[in-house]
Protein backbone atom coordinates (compact mmCIF):
# COMPACT_ATOMS: atom_id res chain seq x y z
CA LYS A 1 -53.81 23.71 116.66
CA GLN A 2 -53.19 20.27 118.11
CA HIS A 3 -55.04 18.91 121.09
CA PRO A 4 -53.22 19.82 124.30
CA VAL A 5 -52.73 16.20 125.42
CA MET A 6 -50.91 15.29 122.22
CA GLN A 7 -47.14 14.83 122.39
CA ASN A 8 -44.79 17.61 121.34
CA ASP A 9 -42.86 15.77 118.63
CA PRO A 10 -43.01 17.35 115.15
CA PRO A 11 -46.27 16.71 113.28
CA SER A 12 -46.31 14.16 110.47
CA ASP A 13 -48.89 12.88 108.02
CA ILE A 14 -50.67 9.75 109.23
CA TYR A 15 -53.31 7.80 107.29
CA MET A 16 -55.98 5.61 108.83
CA PHE A 17 -59.41 4.08 108.56
CA CYS A 18 -61.84 5.15 111.28
CA GLN A 19 -65.23 3.64 112.01
CA ASP A 20 -68.29 5.77 112.65
CA THR A 21 -70.87 4.20 114.96
CA GLU A 22 -73.83 5.50 116.92
CA ALA A 23 -72.03 4.82 120.18
CA TYR A 24 -68.73 6.19 118.85
CA PRO A 25 -69.39 9.19 116.58
CA LEU A 26 -66.45 9.76 114.26
CA ALA A 27 -66.79 13.53 113.96
CA ASN A 28 -66.72 14.03 117.74
CA MET A 29 -63.79 11.64 118.13
CA LEU A 30 -61.68 13.41 115.50
CA VAL A 31 -62.53 17.00 116.46
CA ASP A 32 -61.95 16.31 120.15
CA THR A 33 -58.53 14.81 119.38
CA PHE A 34 -57.19 16.65 116.34
CA GLY A 35 -59.18 19.89 116.23
CA SER A 36 -59.34 20.89 112.57
CA ASN A 37 -56.10 19.04 111.70
CA PHE A 38 -57.76 16.17 109.82
CA LYS A 39 -59.61 15.25 106.66
CA ALA A 40 -62.17 12.42 106.57
CA VAL A 41 -63.90 10.97 103.51
CA PRO A 42 -66.07 7.86 103.20
CA ILE A 43 -64.15 4.85 101.93
CA THR A 44 -64.53 4.14 98.23
CA GLN A 45 -63.36 1.62 95.67
CA ALA A 46 -60.19 3.74 95.36
CA HIS A 47 -59.21 2.54 98.85
CA ASP A 48 -59.56 -1.15 97.91
CA LEU A 49 -55.86 -2.05 98.15
CA SER A 50 -55.53 -0.53 101.63
CA ILE A 51 -58.80 -2.18 102.69
CA ARG A 52 -57.49 -5.56 101.52
CA ASN A 53 -54.26 -5.03 103.48
CA CYS A 54 -56.00 -3.89 106.68
CA PHE A 55 -59.24 -5.90 106.73
CA ASN A 56 -58.34 -8.89 104.54
CA MET A 57 -61.42 -8.25 102.40
CA THR A 58 -62.42 -6.19 99.39
CA TYR A 59 -64.08 -2.79 99.45
CA GLN A 60 -67.33 -4.43 98.32
CA ALA A 61 -67.18 -6.99 101.15
CA LEU A 62 -66.47 -4.34 103.79
CA ASN A 63 -69.15 -2.07 102.37
CA SER A 64 -71.68 -4.91 102.48
CA THR A 65 -71.22 -5.29 106.27
CA GLY A 66 -73.10 -2.04 106.81
CA GLU A 67 -70.24 -0.65 108.89
CA LYS A 68 -69.37 2.99 108.18
CA TRP A 69 -65.64 3.44 107.64
CA TYR A 70 -63.82 6.61 106.61
CA TYR A 71 -60.39 7.28 105.18
CA VAL A 72 -58.80 9.84 107.49
CA THR A 73 -55.60 11.83 107.15
CA VAL A 74 -54.11 13.80 110.02
CA ASN A 75 -51.05 15.96 110.37
CA ALA A 76 -50.24 15.51 114.02
CA SER A 77 -47.78 14.23 116.56
CA ARG A 78 -46.70 10.71 115.64
CA ARG A 79 -46.36 9.62 119.27
CA GLY A 80 -49.66 11.22 120.25
CA THR A 81 -51.49 9.68 117.31
CA ILE A 82 -50.09 6.24 118.14
CA LEU A 83 -51.23 6.59 121.75
CA TRP A 84 -54.69 7.71 120.59
CA ALA A 85 -54.95 4.88 118.02
CA LYS A 86 -54.08 2.33 120.72
CA GLN A 87 -56.89 3.69 122.88
CA GLN A 88 -59.35 3.55 119.96
CA ILE A 89 -58.16 0.20 118.63
CA GLU A 90 -61.66 -1.16 117.95
CA HIS A 91 -62.50 1.80 115.70
CA VAL A 92 -59.18 2.86 114.17
CA VAL A 93 -56.81 1.08 111.77
CA ILE A 94 -53.58 2.87 110.90
CA ILE A 95 -52.67 2.53 107.22
CA GLY A 96 -49.40 4.38 107.22
CA PRO A 97 -46.67 5.30 107.45
CA ASP A 98 -45.44 1.72 107.77
CA ALA A 99 -43.35 2.51 110.87
CA VAL A 100 -46.47 3.68 112.73
CA ARG A 101 -48.44 0.61 111.64
CA THR A 102 -45.54 -1.65 112.72
CA GLU A 103 -45.29 -0.01 116.14
CA ILE A 104 -49.01 -0.54 116.79
CA ASN A 105 -48.80 -4.11 115.49
CA GLU A 106 -45.96 -4.86 117.93
CA PHE A 107 -48.01 -3.35 120.78
CA ILE A 108 -50.97 -5.59 119.89
CA ASN A 109 -48.83 -8.74 119.65
CA THR A 110 -47.06 -8.07 122.94
CA GLY A 111 -50.32 -7.37 124.75
CA ALA A 112 -52.13 -10.36 123.24
CA ALA A 113 -49.26 -12.69 124.22
CA ARG A 114 -49.82 -11.77 127.85
CA TYR A 115 -53.37 -13.10 127.65
CA ARG A 116 -52.51 -16.46 126.10
């Protein structure tokens, strides 16, 4: 069951990287938002292409930072997941679908332009 604050549009598969930190525990963040509607696995070499596209570095380089990142898949409201990802922007990077990534990118660019 989806979180009650999520939007009511049909669920879709969304892929992302999420960071786990002491101050921002990944498990709590995902369970509170998506209930049991997610799967999270530690990033591996298999995610290298997506890591290069999102972080502009290799898996080895990201891994060497000591940051804990996970590959997460959710089947949830697209609009609700976009809203949530915007709120968690320091800890969440949407990988796909491309339309979701583009929408968040446009949000970031518009907001950043207001601070220049």
